[in-house]
Amino acid sequence: MTQINRRTLLAGAAATGALAATATVAAEDVIKTEPDLSGKSVLITGCSTGFGRLAAEAYARQGARVFATMRNLPRAEAEELTQIAIDDQLDLHVIEIDVTSDEQVAAGVAKAMEINGGAIDVLINNAGISFGGPIEIQDMAATQLTFDTNVFGPHRMSRAVLPAMRAAKSGLIINVSSQLGRVIVPAYGQYSPTKFALEAMSESLAYELVPHGIEVTVIEPGGYPTMIWKNANENSLALLGRAEEKHTDGYAALIAQLGNRTGGGSTDPMDVPRAMAEVIAMPAGTRPLRRAVHPGLKPQLAINELTAKVQVDWLGASGYGPWIKDVHNV
């Protein structure tokens, strides 16, 4: 496989268009390798379904010590993962963490570090939530929950693991964003605003952590057939059910979409865990700031390339220059 580093990932030509479920796929767009993760400790949020669930089992089978976290224990999904770990003798531990809870984040990370005997090598902030619909119908309950999960959750988790990572002078934080963290599709509620915030927070953190030997990578998936669509549809219908007519009466066409959205087509959700595993296995200092993942269109690539250039041109000669250049591999 071609060696991947920050520069090559940022240099790709961008595709254009809206979210695509299927497209002609170049062979290198779909990751099929399974790198050896032996010796790595990986803490993942949002492991009940989707990318988190797939990553937890896959990484344990690739030799990592995995801390698969999810909220609302006990639950069937946690029991299933625990049984798999027992049956197949995997180093996989299920821990309760609701990323919106300061107390659960602190307790869950402390438990993982106790089991691990020290700092966690890799934190994957995967937990996320979505409500559909126009911005105007997003009430404060939906807005606060979306930001609390998608932005403040990764912030809580990062703050919890970073003191030990800094002491160890190593570590990796992977934040799962979206194509919609760089491009906009109308009527996805506060999802894009939260993912834009996550992208900005991740980039700032990446610069600040350069002196500490800790890297940050943002994963930007396109559409994949995971439970996020079903959950978002349920959230959206509940939101619509409590919305006031004075907020809904101007958006008939956009509201008609709510509750019926699907995405991803026949794409393979394992693309995302594979991409993250590839990043984890890369040598320190070569990991990309951003990694677009989808076999179809990746409209964010042009934005990623441009913003990297702007950052280097703007701050490359300043006192921050070494940090900026390190992150963008220039």
C-alpha atoms as a PDB file:
ATOM      1  CA  MET A   1       0.000   0.000   0.000  1.00  0.00           C
ATOM      2  CA  THR A   2       1.210   3.514  -0.779  1.00  0.00           C
ATOM      3  CA  GLN A   3       2.739   5.239   2.235  1.00  0.00           C
ATOM      4  CA  ILE A   4       0.262   7.784   3.587  1.00  0.00           C
ATOM      5  CA  ASN A   5       1.316  10.930   5.412  1.00  0.00           C
ATOM      6  CA  ARG A   6      -0.171  14.326   6.100  1.00  0.00           C
ATOM      7  CA  ARG A   7       1.069  15.854   2.886  1.00  0.00           C
ATOM      8  CA  THR A   8      -0.317  13.186   0.562  1.00  0.00           C
ATOM      9  CA  LEU A   9      -3.667  13.148   2.332  1.00  0.00           C
ATOM     10  CA  LEU A  10      -4.021  16.919   2.060  1.00  0.00           C
ATOM     11  CA  ALA A  11      -2.942  17.019  -1.559  1.00  0.00           C
ATOM     12  CA  GLY A  12      -5.775  14.998  -3.100  1.00  0.00           C
ATOM     13  CA  ALA A  13      -7.938  16.599  -5.744  1.00  0.00           C
ATOM     14  CA  ALA A  14     -11.470  17.292  -4.500  1.00  0.00           C
ATOM     15  CA  ALA A  15     -14.646  15.781  -5.833  1.00  0.00           C
ATOM     16  CA  THR A  16     -17.742  17.936  -5.999  1.00  0.00           C
ATOM     17  CA  GLY A  17     -21.441  17.319  -5.358  1.00  0.00           C
ATOM     18  CA  ALA A  18     -23.786  16.402  -2.542  1.00  0.00           C
ATOM     19  CA  LEU A  19     -23.622  13.347  -0.310  1.00  0.00           C
ATOM     20  CA  ALA A  20     -23.426  10.232  -2.451  1.00  0.00           C
ATOM     21  CA  ALA A  21     -24.587   6.776  -1.495  1.00  0.00           C
ATOM     22  CA  THR A  22     -22.770   5.009  -4.322  1.00  0.00           C
ATOM     23  CA  ALA A  23     -20.118   5.973  -6.849  1.00  0.00           C
ATOM     24  CA  THR A  24     -17.379   4.545  -9.012  1.00  0.00           C
ATOM     25  CA  VAL A  25     -14.691   3.486  -6.577  1.00  0.00           C
ATOM     26  CA  ALA A  26     -10.950   3.623  -7.069  1.00  0.00           C
ATOM     27  CA  ALA A  27      -9.196   0.655  -5.499  1.00  0.00           C
ATOM     28  CA  GLU A  28      -7.195   2.824  -3.113  1.00  0.00           C
ATOM     29  CA  ASP A  29     -10.371   4.466  -1.756  1.00  0.00           C
ATOM     30  CA  VAL A  30     -11.443   1.332   0.111  1.00  0.00           C
ATOM     31  CA  ILE A  31      -9.180   0.197   2.934  1.00  0.00           C
ATOM     32  CA  LYS A  32      -8.956  -3.570   3.353  1.00  0.00           C
ATOM     33  CA  THR A  33      -5.793  -3.934   5.415  1.00  0.00           C
ATOM     34  CA  GLU A  34      -5.871  -4.927   9.084  1.00  0.00           C
ATOM     35  CA  PRO A  35      -2.756  -3.544  10.759  1.00  0.00           C
ATOM     36  CA  ASP A  36      -1.276  -5.112  13.866  1.00  0.00           C
ATOM     37  CA  LEU A  37      -2.386  -3.070  16.883  1.00  0.00           C
ATOM     38  CA  SER A  38      -0.644  -5.230  19.480  1.00  0.00           C
ATOM     39  CA  GLY A  39       0.466  -3.238  22.492  1.00  0.00           C
ATOM     40  CA  LYS A  40      -1.919  -0.357  21.844  1.00  0.00           C
ATOM     41  CA  SER A  41      -4.572   0.665  24.353  1.00  0.00           C
ATOM     42  CA  VAL A  42      -7.620   2.200  22.676  1.00  0.00           C
ATOM     43  CA  LEU A  43     -10.595   3.867  24.374  1.00  0.00           C
ATOM     44  CA  ILE A  44     -13.635   4.330  22.125  1.00  0.00           C
ATOM     45  CA  THR A  45     -16.873   6.175  22.917  1.00  0.00           C
ATOM     46  CA  GLY A  46     -20.254   5.252  21.465  1.00  0.00           C
ATOM     47  CA  CYS A  47     -19.657   1.502  21.119  1.00  0.00           C
ATOM     48  CA  SER A  48     -23.240   0.227  21.311  1.00  0.00           C
ATOM     49  CA  THR A  49     -23.673   0.361  17.504  1.00  0.00           C
ATOM     50  CA  GLY A  50     -22.130   1.697  14.319  1.00  0.00           C
ATOM     51  CA  PHE A  51     -18.488   2.623  13.838  1.00  0.00           C
ATOM     52  CA  GLY A  52     -17.723   2.331  17.548  1.00  0.00           C
ATOM     53  CA  ARG A  53     -19.114  -1.185  17.861  1.00  0.00           C
ATOM     54  CA  LEU A  54     -17.291  -2.361  14.743  1.00  0.00           C
ATOM     55  CA  ALA A  55     -14.021  -0.720  15.792  1.00  0.00           C
ATOM     56  CA  ALA A  56     -14.088  -2.145  19.322  1.00  0.00           C
ATOM     57  CA  GLU A  57     -14.271  -5.753  18.208  1.00  0.00           C
ATOM     58  CA  ALA A  58     -11.966  -5.312  15.215  1.00  0.00           C
ATOM     59  CA  TYR A  59      -9.193  -3.637  17.203  1.00  0.00           C
ATOM     60  CA  ALA A  60      -9.347  -6.244  19.972  1.00  0.00           C
ATOM     61  CA  ARG A  61      -8.948  -8.941  17.312  1.00  0.00           C
ATOM     62  CA  GLN A  62      -5.968  -7.004  15.931  1.00  0.00           C
ATOM     63  CA  GLY A  63      -4.222  -7.198  19.291  1.00  0.00           C
ATOM     64  CA  ALA A  64      -5.198  -3.955  21.009  1.00  0.00           C
ATOM     65  CA  ARG A  65      -6.452  -3.606  24.556  1.00  0.00           C
ATOM     66  CA  VAL A  66      -9.830  -2.005  23.923  1.00  0.00           C
ATOM     67  CA  PHE A  67     -12.026  -0.030  26.288  1.00  0.00           C
ATOM     68  CA  ALA A  68     -15.449  -0.024  24.642  1.00  0.00           C
ATOM     69  CA  THR A  69     -17.603   2.604  26.296  1.00  0.00           C
ATOM     70  CA  MET A  70     -21.312   3.252  26.037  1.00  0.00           C
ATOM     71  CA  ARG A  71     -24.083   4.810  28.091  1.00  0.00           C
ATOM     72  CA  ASN A  72     -27.053   3.323  29.917  1.00  0.00           C
ATOM     73  CA  LEU A  73     -25.554   0.102  31.237  1.00  0.00           C
ATOM     74  CA  PRO A  74     -26.646  -2.619  31.668  1.00  0.00           C
ATOM     75  CA  ARG A  75     -27.782  -3.185  28.093  1.00  0.00           C
ATOM     76  CA  ALA A  76     -27.806  -6.021  25.585  1.00  0.00           C
ATOM     77  CA  GLU A  77     -25.081  -4.500  23.423  1.00  0.00           C
ATOM     78  CA  ALA A  78     -22.666  -4.412  26.364  1.00  0.00           C
ATOM     79  CA  GLU A  79     -23.464  -8.002  27.310  1.00  0.00           C
ATOM     80  CA  GLU A  80     -22.845  -9.136  23.733  1.00  0.00           C
ATOM     81  CA  LEU A  81     -19.420  -7.474  23.565  1.00  0.00           C
ATOM     82  CA  THR A  82     -18.439  -8.817  26.961  1.00  0.00           C
ATOM     83  CA  GLN A  83     -19.427 -12.338  25.943  1.00  0.00           C
ATOM     84  CA  ILE A  84     -17.430 -12.069  22.713  1.00  0.00           C
ATOM     85  CA  ALA A  85     -14.401 -10.982  24.734  1.00  0.00           C
ATOM     86  CA  ILE A  86     -14.790 -13.967  27.060  1.00  0.00           C
ATOM     87  CA  ASP A  87     -15.445 -16.511  24.313  1.00  0.00           C
ATOM     88  CA  ASP A  88     -12.584 -15.357  22.086  1.00  0.00           C
ATOM     89  CA  GLN A  89     -10.194 -14.324  24.869  1.00  0.00           C
ATOM     90  CA  LEU A  90      -9.998 -10.730  23.696  1.00  0.00           C
ATOM     91  CA  ASP A  91      -8.512  -7.915  25.753  1.00  0.00           C
ATOM     92  CA  LEU A  92     -11.776  -5.977  25.539  1.00  0.00           C
ATOM     93  CA  HIS A  93     -13.388  -4.186  28.463  1.00  0.00           C
ATOM     94  CA  VAL A  94     -16.859  -2.606  28.435  1.00  0.00           C
ATOM     95  CA  ILE A  95     -17.106   0.548  30.568  1.00  0.00           C
ATOM     96  CA  GLU A  96     -20.071   2.840  31.121  1.00  0.00           C
ATOM     97  CA  ILE A  97     -19.503   6.388  29.894  1.00  0.00           C
ATOM     98  CA  ASP A  98     -22.157   8.883  28.912  1.00  0.00           C
ATOM     99  CA  VAL A  99     -20.055  11.611  27.307  1.00  0.00           C
ATOM    100  CA  THR A 100     -22.527  14.272  28.487  1.00  0.00           C
ATOM    101  CA  SER A 101     -21.743  13.429  32.138  1.00  0.00           C
ATOM    102  CA  ASP A 102     -18.694  14.931  33.828  1.00  0.00           C
ATOM    103  CA  GLU A 103     -18.878  12.275  36.530  1.00  0.00           C
ATOM    104  CA  GLN A 104     -19.124   9.286  34.176  1.00  0.00           C
ATOM    105  CA  VAL A 105     -16.322  10.588  31.970  1.00  0.00           C
ATOM    106  CA  ALA A 106     -13.997  11.024  34.941  1.00  0.00           C
ATOM    107  CA  ALA A 107     -14.888   7.666  36.491  1.00  0.00           C
ATOM    108  CA  GLY A 108     -14.808   5.750  33.203  1.00  0.00           C
ATOM    109  CA  VAL A 109     -11.433   7.096  32.085  1.00  0.00           C
ATOM    110  CA  ALA A 110      -9.984   6.475  35.553  1.00  0.00           C
ATOM    111  CA  LYS A 111     -11.199   2.866  35.413  1.00  0.00           C
ATOM    112  CA  ALA A 112      -9.679   2.346  31.961  1.00  0.00           C
ATOM    113  CA  MET A 113      -6.354   3.802  33.090  1.00  0.00           C
ATOM    114  CA  GLU A 114      -6.369   1.592  36.183  1.00  0.00           C
ATOM    115  CA  ILE A 115      -6.902  -1.516  34.054  1.00  0.00           C
ATOM    116  CA  ASN A 116      -4.284  -0.341  31.576  1.00  0.00           C
ATOM    117  CA  GLY A 117      -1.748   0.529  34.239  1.00  0.00           C
ATOM    118  CA  GLY A 118      -1.202   4.031  32.903  1.00  0.00           C
ATOM    119  CA  ALA A 119      -2.000   6.405  30.082  1.00  0.00           C
ATOM    120  CA  ILE A 120      -4.314   5.424  27.246  1.00  0.00           C
ATOM    121  CA  ASP A 121      -2.514   5.351  23.894  1.00  0.00           C
ATOM    122  CA  VAL A 122      -5.483   6.226  21.687  1.00  0.00           C
ATOM    123  CA  LEU A 123      -8.769   7.999  22.407  1.00  0.00           C
ATOM    124  CA  ILE A 124     -11.450   7.736  19.720  1.00  0.00           C
ATOM    125  CA  ASN A 125     -14.267  10.232  20.228  1.00  0.00           C
ATOM    126  CA  ASN A 126     -16.946   8.489  18.213  1.00  0.00           C
ATOM    127  CA  ALA A 127     -20.196   9.060  20.154  1.00  0.00           C
ATOM    128  CA  GLY A 128     -22.569  11.381  18.321  1.00  0.00           C
ATOM    129  CA  ILE A 129     -26.182  12.414  17.927  1.00  0.00           C
ATOM    130  CA  SER A 130     -28.280  14.124  15.259  1.00  0.00           C
ATOM    131  CA  PHE A 131     -31.625  15.880  14.921  1.00  0.00           C
ATOM    132  CA  GLY A 132     -32.871  16.764  11.445  1.00  0.00           C
ATOM    133  CA  GLY A 133     -34.890  19.749  10.288  1.00  0.00           C
ATOM    134  CA  PRO A 134     -34.367  23.468   9.704  1.00  0.00           C
ATOM    135  CA  ILE A 135     -32.372  25.423  12.267  1.00  0.00           C
ATOM    136  CA  GLU A 136     -35.447  27.402  13.317  1.00  0.00           C
ATOM    137  CA  ILE A 137     -37.293  24.348  14.614  1.00  0.00           C
ATOM    138  CA  GLN A 138     -34.326  23.166  16.691  1.00  0.00           C
ATOM    139  CA  ASP A 139     -35.460  23.958  20.233  1.00  0.00           C
ATOM    140  CA  MET A 140     -32.978  24.514  23.027  1.00  0.00           C
ATOM    141  CA  ALA A 141     -33.318  20.974  24.357  1.00  0.00           C
ATOM    142  CA  ALA A 142     -32.295  19.489  20.993  1.00  0.00           C
ATOM    143  CA  THR A 143     -29.603  22.114  20.436  1.00  0.00           C
ATOM    144  CA  GLN A 144     -28.043  21.680  23.861  1.00  0.00           C
ATOM    145  CA  LEU A 145     -28.066  17.883  23.633  1.00  0.00           C
ATOM    146  CA  THR A 146     -26.459  17.939  20.179  1.00  0.00           C
ATOM    147  CA  PHE A 147     -23.669  20.279  21.269  1.00  0.00           C
ATOM    148  CA  ASP A 148     -23.256  18.478  24.591  1.00  0.00           C
ATOM    149  CA  THR A 149     -22.770  15.146  22.830  1.00  0.00           C
ATOM    150  CA  ASN A 150     -20.900  16.129  19.668  1.00  0.00           C
ATOM    151  CA  VAL A 151     -18.657  18.935  20.978  1.00  0.00           C
ATOM    152  CA  PHE A 152     -18.551  19.027  24.762  1.00  0.00           C
ATOM    153  CA  GLY A 153     -18.362  15.218  24.925  1.00  0.00           C
ATOM    154  CA  PRO A 154     -15.074  15.025  22.994  1.00  0.00           C
ATOM    155  CA  HIS A 155     -13.833  17.982  25.035  1.00  0.00           C
ATOM    156  CA  ARG A 156     -14.614  16.176  28.308  1.00  0.00           C
ATOM    157  CA  MET A 157     -12.984  12.976  27.096  1.00  0.00           C
ATOM    158  CA  SER A 158      -9.869  14.739  25.820  1.00  0.00           C
ATOM    159  CA  ARG A 159      -9.393  16.632  29.076  1.00  0.00           C
ATOM    160  CA  ALA A 160      -9.730  13.362  30.980  1.00  0.00           C
ATOM    161  CA  VAL A 161      -6.985  11.514  29.056  1.00  0.00           C
ATOM    162  CA  LEU A 162      -4.562  14.353  28.301  1.00  0.00           C
ATOM    163  CA  PRO A 163      -2.723  14.794  31.621  1.00  0.00           C
ATOM    164  CA  ALA A 164      -1.503  11.190  31.502  1.00  0.00           C
ATOM    165  CA  MET A 165      -0.774  11.385  27.770  1.00  0.00           C
ATOM    166  CA  ARG A 166       1.300  14.529  28.316  1.00  0.00           C
ATOM    167  CA  ALA A 167       3.205  12.849  31.119  1.00  0.00           C
ATOM    168  CA  ALA A 168       3.921   9.937  28.765  1.00  0.00           C
ATOM    169  CA  LYS A 169       4.885  12.342  25.950  1.00  0.00           C
ATOM    170  CA  SER A 170       2.824  10.342  23.486  1.00  0.00           C
ATOM    171  CA  GLY A 171      -0.742   9.644  22.442  1.00  0.00           C
ATOM    172  CA  LEU A 172      -3.319   9.997  19.709  1.00  0.00           C
ATOM    173  CA  ILE A 173      -6.795  11.510  19.760  1.00  0.00           C
ATOM    174  CA  ILE A 174      -9.106  10.631  16.878  1.00  0.00           C
ATOM    175  CA  ASN A 175     -12.263  12.711  16.593  1.00  0.00           C
ATOM    176  CA  VAL A 176     -15.008  11.351  14.344  1.00  0.00           C
ATOM    177  CA  SER A 177     -16.464  14.281  12.440  1.00  0.00           C
ATOM    178  CA  SER A 178     -18.258  14.089   9.069  1.00  0.00           C
ATOM    179  CA  GLN A 179     -18.242  15.459   5.559  1.00  0.00           C
ATOM    180  CA  LEU A 180     -20.889  17.741   7.059  1.00  0.00           C
ATOM    181  CA  GLY A 181     -18.229  19.179   9.334  1.00  0.00           C
ATOM    182  CA  ARG A 182     -16.786  20.954   6.291  1.00  0.00           C
ATOM    183  CA  VAL A 183     -19.696  21.255   3.819  1.00  0.00           C
ATOM    184  CA  ILE A 184     -23.361  22.093   4.384  1.00  0.00           C
ATOM    185  CA  VAL A 185     -26.564  20.304   3.422  1.00  0.00           C
ATOM    186  CA  PRO A 186     -29.747  22.164   4.486  1.00  0.00           C
ATOM    187  CA  ALA A 187     -32.134  20.775   7.110  1.00  0.00           C
ATOM    188  CA  TYR A 188     -29.653  18.680   9.077  1.00  0.00           C
ATOM    189  CA  GLY A 189     -30.343  20.759  12.162  1.00  0.00           C
ATOM    190  CA  GLN A 190     -27.410  21.553  14.418  1.00  0.00           C
ATOM    191  CA  TYR A 191     -25.404  18.541  13.186  1.00  0.00           C
ATOM    192  CA  SER A 192     -23.133  20.514  10.843  1.00  0.00           C
ATOM    193  CA  PRO A 193     -22.618  23.349  13.365  1.00  0.00           C
ATOM    194  CA  THR A 194     -21.468  20.835  15.971  1.00  0.00           C
ATOM    195  CA  LYS A 195     -19.171  19.034  13.567  1.00  0.00           C
ATOM    196  CA  PHE A 196     -17.711  22.358  12.347  1.00  0.00           C
ATOM    197  CA  ALA A 197     -16.983  23.149  16.002  1.00  0.00           C
ATOM    198  CA  LEU A 198     -15.406  19.718  16.496  1.00  0.00           C
ATOM    199  CA  GLU A 199     -13.189  20.277  13.452  1.00  0.00           C
ATOM    200  CA  ALA A 200     -11.990  23.643  14.796  1.00  0.00           C
ATOM    201  CA  MET A 201     -11.431  22.314  18.310  1.00  0.00           C
ATOM    202  CA  SER A 202      -9.485  19.348  16.923  1.00  0.00           C
ATOM    203  CA  GLU A 203      -7.189  21.523  14.815  1.00  0.00           C
ATOM    204  CA  SER A 204      -6.476  23.903  17.682  1.00  0.00           C
ATOM    205  CA  LEU A 205      -5.747  20.948  19.953  1.00  0.00           C
ATOM    206  CA  ALA A 206      -3.454  19.410  17.339  1.00  0.00           C
ATOM    207  CA  TYR A 207      -1.289  22.551  17.263  1.00  0.00           C
ATOM    208  CA  GLU A 208      -1.206  22.909  21.044  1.00  0.00           C
ATOM    209  CA  LEU A 209      -0.182  19.291  21.608  1.00  0.00           C
ATOM    210  CA  VAL A 210       2.805  19.279  19.248  1.00  0.00           C
ATOM    211  CA  PRO A 211       5.284  20.051  22.066  1.00  0.00           C
ATOM    212  CA  HIS A 212       3.870  17.118  24.033  1.00  0.00           C
ATOM    213  CA  GLY A 213       4.268  14.481  21.319  1.00  0.00           C
ATOM    214  CA  ILE A 214       0.497  13.927  21.039  1.00  0.00           C
ATOM    215  CA  GLU A 215      -1.288  13.876  17.678  1.00  0.00           C
ATOM    216  CA  VAL A 216      -4.871  14.592  16.664  1.00  0.00           C
ATOM    217  CA  THR A 217      -6.614  13.213  13.586  1.00  0.00           C
ATOM    218  CA  VAL A 218     -10.111  14.128  12.416  1.00  0.00           C
ATOM    219  CA  ILE A 219     -11.979  11.367  10.582  1.00  0.00           C
ATOM    220  CA  GLU A 220     -14.512  12.683   8.054  1.00  0.00           C
ATOM    221  CA  PRO A 221     -16.890   9.915   6.935  1.00  0.00           C
ATOM    222  CA  GLY A 222     -19.445  10.313   4.203  1.00  0.00           C
ATOM    223  CA  GLY A 223     -22.761   8.495   4.376  1.00  0.00           C
ATOM    224  CA  TYR A 224     -22.747   4.933   5.743  1.00  0.00           C
ATOM    225  CA  PRO A 225     -25.680   2.662   6.671  1.00  0.00           C
ATOM    226  CA  THR A 226     -25.420   2.735  10.465  1.00  0.00           C
ATOM    227  CA  MET A 227     -27.922   3.260  13.257  1.00  0.00           C
ATOM    228  CA  ILE A 228     -27.326   7.013  13.229  1.00  0.00           C
ATOM    229  CA  TRP A 229     -30.001   7.365  10.523  1.00  0.00           C
ATOM    230  CA  LYS A 230     -32.659   5.476  12.481  1.00  0.00           C
ATOM    231  CA  ASN A 231     -31.793   7.331  15.670  1.00  0.00           C
ATOM    232  CA  ALA A 232     -31.782  10.687  13.889  1.00  0.00           C
ATOM    233  CA  ASN A 233     -35.185   9.957  12.338  1.00  0.00           C
ATOM    234  CA  GLU A 234     -36.634   9.162  15.762  1.00  0.00           C
ATOM    235  CA  ASN A 235     -35.071  12.283  17.266  1.00  0.00           C
ATOM    236  CA  SER A 236     -36.350  14.409  14.400  1.00  0.00           C
ATOM    237  CA  LEU A 237     -39.936  13.164  14.689  1.00  0.00           C
ATOM    238  CA  ALA A 238     -39.907  13.764  18.440  1.00  0.00           C
ATOM    239  CA  LEU A 239     -38.601  17.284  17.822  1.00  0.00           C
ATOM    240  CA  LEU A 240     -41.268  17.917  15.200  1.00  0.00           C
ATOM    241  CA  GLY A 241     -43.945  16.633  17.559  1.00  0.00           C
ATOM    242  CA  ARG A 242     -43.156  19.320  20.113  1.00  0.00           C
ATOM    243  CA  ALA A 243     -42.380  22.136  17.666  1.00  0.00           C
ATOM    244  CA  GLU A 244     -44.632  25.176  17.522  1.00  0.00           C
ATOM    245  CA  GLU A 245     -46.439  25.987  14.301  1.00  0.00           C
ATOM    246  CA  LYS A 246     -44.955  29.491  14.241  1.00  0.00           C
ATOM    247  CA  HIS A 247     -41.566  27.814  13.678  1.00  0.00           C
ATOM    248  CA  THR A 248     -42.650  25.055  11.283  1.00  0.00           C
ATOM    249  CA  ASP A 249     -45.075  26.820   8.956  1.00  0.00           C
ATOM    250  CA  GLY A 250     -42.404  28.106   6.569  1.00  0.00           C
ATOM    251  CA  TYR A 251     -40.599  24.833   5.891  1.00  0.00           C
ATOM    252  CA  ALA A 252     -43.108  22.347   4.483  1.00  0.00           C
ATOM    253  CA  ALA A 253     -40.720  20.824   1.921  1.00  0.00           C
ATOM    254  CA  LEU A 254     -37.842  20.424   4.372  1.00  0.00           C
ATOM    255  CA  ILE A 255     -40.028  19.060   7.141  1.00  0.00           C
ATOM    256  CA  ALA A 256     -41.514  16.459   4.782  1.00  0.00           C
ATOM    257  CA  GLN A 257     -38.096  14.735   4.736  1.00  0.00           C
ATOM    258  CA  LEU A 258     -38.009  14.177   8.475  1.00  0.00           C
ATOM    259  CA  GLY A 259     -38.297  10.621   9.713  1.00  0.00           C
ATOM    260  CA  ASN A 260     -37.502   9.056   6.344  1.00  0.00           C
ATOM    261  CA  ARG A 261     -33.819   9.691   5.796  1.00  0.00           C
ATOM    262  CA  THR A 262     -31.434   6.887   5.013  1.00  0.00           C
ATOM    263  CA  GLY A 263     -27.834   7.041   3.914  1.00  0.00           C
ATOM    264  CA  GLY A 264     -24.867   5.084   2.741  1.00  0.00           C
ATOM    265  CA  GLY A 265     -26.511   2.696   0.310  1.00  0.00           C
ATOM    266  CA  SER A 266     -24.331  -0.397  -0.057  1.00  0.00           C
ATOM    267  CA  THR A 267     -21.196   1.220   1.369  1.00  0.00           C
ATOM    268  CA  ASP A 268     -19.302  -0.759   4.014  1.00  0.00           C
ATOM    269  CA  PRO A 269     -19.276   0.852   7.499  1.00  0.00           C
ATOM    270  CA  MET A 270     -16.039  -1.028   8.222  1.00  0.00           C
ATOM    271  CA  ASP A 271     -14.288   1.513   5.976  1.00  0.00           C
ATOM    272  CA  VAL A 272     -14.217   3.885   8.948  1.00  0.00           C
ATOM    273  CA  PRO A 273     -12.711   1.524  11.556  1.00  0.00           C
ATOM    274  CA  ARG A 274     -10.179   0.408   8.939  1.00  0.00           C
ATOM    275  CA  ALA A 275      -9.193   4.002   8.215  1.00  0.00           C
ATOM    276  CA  MET A 276      -8.794   4.745  11.921  1.00  0.00           C
ATOM    277  CA  ALA A 277      -6.740   1.577  12.425  1.00  0.00           C
ATOM    278  CA  GLU A 278      -4.474   2.623   9.580  1.00  0.00           C
ATOM    279  CA  VAL A 279      -3.939   6.001  11.239  1.00  0.00           C
ATOM    280  CA  ILE A 280      -3.250   4.364  14.621  1.00  0.00           C
ATOM    281  CA  ALA A 281      -0.627   2.089  13.050  1.00  0.00           C
ATOM    282  CA  MET A 282       1.209   4.925  11.281  1.00  0.00           C
ATOM    283  CA  PRO A 283       4.520   6.074  12.771  1.00  0.00           C
ATOM    284  CA  ALA A 284       4.256   9.014  15.142  1.00  0.00           C
ATOM    285  CA  GLY A 285       4.786  12.281  13.293  1.00  0.00           C
ATOM    286  CA  THR A 286       3.296  11.059   9.993  1.00  0.00           C
ATOM    287  CA  ARG A 287      -0.391  10.948  10.894  1.00  0.00           C
ATOM    288  CA  PRO A 288      -2.755  13.251   8.986  1.00  0.00           C
ATOM    289  CA  LEU A 289      -4.695  16.057  10.613  1.00  0.00           C
ATOM    290  CA  ARG A 290      -7.748  15.075   8.556  1.00  0.00           C
ATOM    291  CA  ARG A 291      -8.761  11.824   6.867  1.00  0.00           C
ATOM    292  CA  ALA A 292     -11.741  11.740   4.503  1.00  0.00           C
ATOM    293  CA  VAL A 293     -13.389   8.305   4.332  1.00  0.00           C
ATOM    294  CA  HIS A 294     -15.912   7.255   1.693  1.00  0.00           C
ATOM    295  CA  PRO A 295     -15.736   5.279  -1.563  1.00  0.00           C
ATOM    296  CA  GLY A 296     -17.677   8.015  -3.358  1.00  0.00           C
ATOM    297  CA  LEU A 297     -17.484  11.786  -3.450  1.00  0.00           C
ATOM    298  CA  LYS A 298     -15.392  13.645  -0.878  1.00  0.00           C
ATOM    299  CA  PRO A 299     -16.351  17.304  -1.372  1.00  0.00           C
ATOM    300  CA  GLN A 300     -14.446  18.411   1.735  1.00  0.00           C
ATOM    301  CA  LEU A 301     -11.011  17.649   0.267  1.00  0.00           C
ATOM    302  CA  ALA A 302     -10.724  21.008  -1.499  1.00  0.00           C
ATOM    303  CA  ILE A 303     -11.581  22.798   1.750  1.00  0.00           C
ATOM    304  CA  ASN A 304      -9.069  20.737   3.724  1.00  0.00           C
ATOM    305  CA  GLU A 305      -6.308  21.503   1.252  1.00  0.00           C
ATOM    306  CA  LEU A 306      -7.115  25.224   1.139  1.00  0.00           C
ATOM    307  CA  THR A 307      -7.347  25.696   4.906  1.00  0.00           C
ATOM    308  CA  ALA A 308      -4.046  23.892   5.429  1.00  0.00           C
ATOM    309  CA  LYS A 309      -2.399  26.272   2.970  1.00  0.00           C
ATOM    310  CA  VAL A 310      -4.003  29.301   4.626  1.00  0.00           C
ATOM    311  CA  GLN A 311      -2.812  28.213   8.086  1.00  0.00           C
ATOM    312  CA  VAL A 312       0.758  27.684   6.896  1.00  0.00           C
ATOM    313  CA  ASP A 313       0.849  30.925   4.877  1.00  0.00           C
ATOM    314  CA  TRP A 314      -0.673  32.921   7.731  1.00  0.00           C
ATOM    315  CA  LEU A 315       1.167  31.526  10.740  1.00  0.00           C
ATOM    316  CA  GLY A 316       4.084  29.586   9.282  1.00  0.00           C
ATOM    317  CA  ALA A 317       6.567  32.396   9.900  1.00  0.00           C
ATOM    318  CA  SER A 318       5.173  33.293  13.333  1.00  0.00           C
ATOM    319  CA  GLY A 319       6.104  31.918  16.730  1.00  0.00           C
ATOM    320  CA  TYR A 320       3.469  29.237  16.157  1.00  0.00           C
ATOM    321  CA  GLY A 321       5.125  28.278  12.882  1.00  0.00           C
ATOM    322  CA  PRO A 322       6.868  25.093  14.052  1.00  0.00           C
ATOM    323  CA  TRP A 323       3.586  23.740  15.463  1.00  0.00           C
ATOM    324  CA  ILE A 324       1.591  24.663  12.358  1.00  0.00           C
ATOM    325  CA  LYS A 325       4.168  23.155  10.010  1.00  0.00           C
ATOM    326  CA  ASP A 326       4.483  20.008  12.080  1.00  0.00           C
ATOM    327  CA  VAL A 327       0.728  19.362  11.980  1.00  0.00           C
ATOM    328  CA  HIS A 328       0.528  20.019   8.228  1.00  0.00           C
ATOM    329  CA  ASN A 329       3.786  18.152   7.512  1.00  0.00           C
ATOM    330  CA  VAL A 330       5.559  21.006   5.720  1.00  0.00           C
END
